[in-house]
Amino acid sequence: MRIALLIVFGIAGTLARYGLQGFVQERTGSTFPMGTLVVNLIGCFLLGIIGEYALTHLTIPPDWRIGITVGFFGAFTTFSSFSYETARMLNDGDWMRAGVYVLSSVIGGLLGVFGGMRIADRI
């Protein structure tokens, strides 16, 4: 059941990301990645609402919770997962761990992208 929900929600998240990102980017006509930024910020906002509400007000079966959070939002934007996890650490007062997570994610992500770009240029 869990795998089926991941597939269904993952497909929905992917299509939602593709549609919204393209729509926003086309409408703004900018070279700035406005479509990606909008998707990431909306994803963070929605995951914050859904994640927190599900934790405090609803009883959602674990398979469905994973389908929604990992499947949909994982496909829609992994930035929302990163932000939500960081917010949870900060809410728990775990500032050091949150800081390490933010710095390692952002710096590591940028280094990974630049490293991949360099490798791709040399192939």
Protein backbone atom coordinates (compact mmCIF):
# COMPACT_ATOMS: atom_id res chain seq x y z
CA MET A 1 0.00 0.00 0.00
CA ARG A 2 2.79 2.45 0.93
CA ILE A 3 4.57 2.03 -2.41
CA ALA A 4 1.32 2.53 -4.34
CA LEU A 5 0.62 5.74 -2.41
CA LEU A 6 4.17 6.98 -3.01
CA ILE A 7 3.75 6.35 -6.72
CA VAL A 8 0.35 8.06 -6.97
CA PHE A 9 1.30 11.06 -4.84
CA GLY A 10 4.74 11.25 -6.49
CA ILE A 11 3.18 11.44 -9.93
CA ALA A 12 0.77 14.13 -8.72
CA GLY A 13 3.61 16.14 -7.16
CA THR A 14 5.75 15.88 -10.27
CA LEU A 15 2.94 17.03 -12.54
CA ALA A 16 2.00 19.86 -10.16
CA ARG A 17 5.61 21.05 -10.06
CA TYR A 18 6.00 20.86 -13.83
CA GLY A 19 2.76 22.73 -14.46
CA LEU A 20 3.17 25.47 -11.86
CA GLN A 21 6.88 26.04 -12.53
CA GLY A 22 6.29 26.36 -16.25
CA PHE A 23 3.23 28.56 -15.83
CA VAL A 24 4.98 31.00 -13.48
CA GLN A 25 8.18 31.08 -15.52
CA GLU A 26 6.28 31.75 -18.74
CA ARG A 27 4.15 34.47 -17.16
CA THR A 28 7.09 36.31 -15.60
CA GLY A 29 9.29 35.98 -18.70
CA SER A 30 12.31 36.34 -16.46
CA THR A 31 15.72 34.69 -16.67
CA PHE A 32 15.57 34.46 -12.85
CA PRO A 33 14.21 31.00 -11.87
CA MET A 34 10.97 32.51 -10.55
CA GLY A 35 8.99 29.35 -11.34
CA THR A 36 11.29 27.21 -9.21
CA LEU A 37 11.32 29.77 -6.41
CA VAL A 38 7.52 29.95 -6.37
CA VAL A 39 7.23 26.15 -6.34
CA ASN A 40 9.73 25.85 -3.49
CA LEU A 41 8.11 28.55 -1.38
CA ILE A 42 4.58 27.24 -1.96
CA GLY A 43 5.79 23.71 -1.22
CA CYS A 44 7.34 24.88 2.06
CA PHE A 45 4.19 26.72 3.02
CA LEU A 46 1.86 23.82 2.21
CA LEU A 47 4.06 21.20 3.85
CA GLY A 48 4.24 23.40 6.94
CA ILE A 49 0.45 23.62 7.08
CA ILE A 50 -0.25 19.99 6.27
CA GLY A 51 2.61 18.56 8.30
CA GLU A 52 1.84 20.55 11.42
CA TYR A 53 -1.93 20.13 11.15
CA ALA A 54 -1.56 16.38 10.66
CA LEU A 55 0.71 16.15 13.71
CA THR A 56 -1.55 18.13 16.02
CA HIS A 57 -5.13 17.70 14.78
CA LEU A 58 -5.53 14.65 12.57
CA THR A 59 -4.84 11.00 12.74
CA ILE A 60 -3.53 10.14 9.29
CA PRO A 61 -2.38 6.57 8.78
CA PRO A 62 1.42 6.37 8.40
CA ASP A 63 1.21 5.10 4.81
CA TRP A 64 -0.92 8.07 3.79
CA ARG A 65 1.29 10.53 5.70
CA ILE A 66 4.35 9.18 3.87
CA GLY A 67 2.48 9.26 0.57
CA ILE A 68 1.54 12.90 1.04
CA THR A 69 4.78 14.21 2.54
CA VAL A 70 7.44 12.10 0.83
CA GLY A 71 5.48 11.27 -2.31
CA PHE A 72 3.74 14.51 -3.19
CA PHE A 73 5.97 17.09 -1.55
CA GLY A 74 9.12 15.09 -2.26
CA ALA A 75 8.25 15.19 -5.94
CA PHE A 76 6.88 18.74 -5.82
CA THR A 77 9.94 20.09 -4.03
CA THR A 78 12.51 18.62 -1.72
CA PHE A 79 13.21 22.12 -0.46
CA SER A 80 9.95 22.00 1.44
CA SER A 81 11.06 18.85 3.24
CA PHE A 82 14.39 20.46 4.11
CA SER A 83 12.68 23.57 5.43
CA TYR A 84 10.11 21.65 7.43
CA GLU A 85 12.73 19.43 9.02
CA THR A 86 14.81 22.48 9.92
CA ALA A 87 11.77 24.22 11.40
CA ARG A 88 10.99 21.16 13.52
CA MET A 89 14.57 21.13 14.87
CA LEU A 90 14.33 24.85 15.68
CA ASN A 91 10.95 24.39 17.36
CA ASP A 92 12.50 21.63 19.46
CA GLY A 93 15.28 24.03 20.49
CA ASP A 94 17.92 22.06 18.62
CA TRP A 95 19.62 25.15 17.16
CA MET A 96 23.05 23.59 16.71
CA ARG A 97 21.75 20.62 14.75
CA ALA A 98 19.49 22.87 12.65
CA GLY A 99 22.43 25.18 11.88
CA VAL A 100 24.64 22.29 10.83
CA TYR A 101 21.82 20.91 8.69
CA VAL A 102 21.20 24.26 6.97
CA LEU A 103 24.87 25.01 6.34
CA SER A 104 25.74 21.51 5.17
CA SER A 105 22.65 21.31 2.95
CA VAL A 106 23.12 24.69 1.28
CA ILE A 107 26.90 24.63 0.97
CA GLY A 108 26.99 20.92 0.15
CA GLY A 109 24.22 21.34 -2.39
CA LEU A 110 25.97 24.22 -4.10
CA LEU A 111 29.29 22.37 -4.11
CA GLY A 112 27.56 19.31 -5.53
CA VAL A 113 25.93 21.32 -8.31
CA PHE A 114 29.16 23.13 -9.18
CA GLY A 115 31.12 19.86 -9.05
CA GLY A 116 28.59 18.15 -11.27
CA MET A 117 28.66 21.06 -13.70
CA ARG A 118 32.45 20.90 -13.92
CA ILE A 119 32.40 17.17 -14.51
CA ALA A 120 29.69 17.55 -17.15
CA ASP A 121 31.76 20.23 -18.91
CA ARG A 122 34.71 17.85 -19.12
CA ILE A 123 32.79 14.88 -20.51
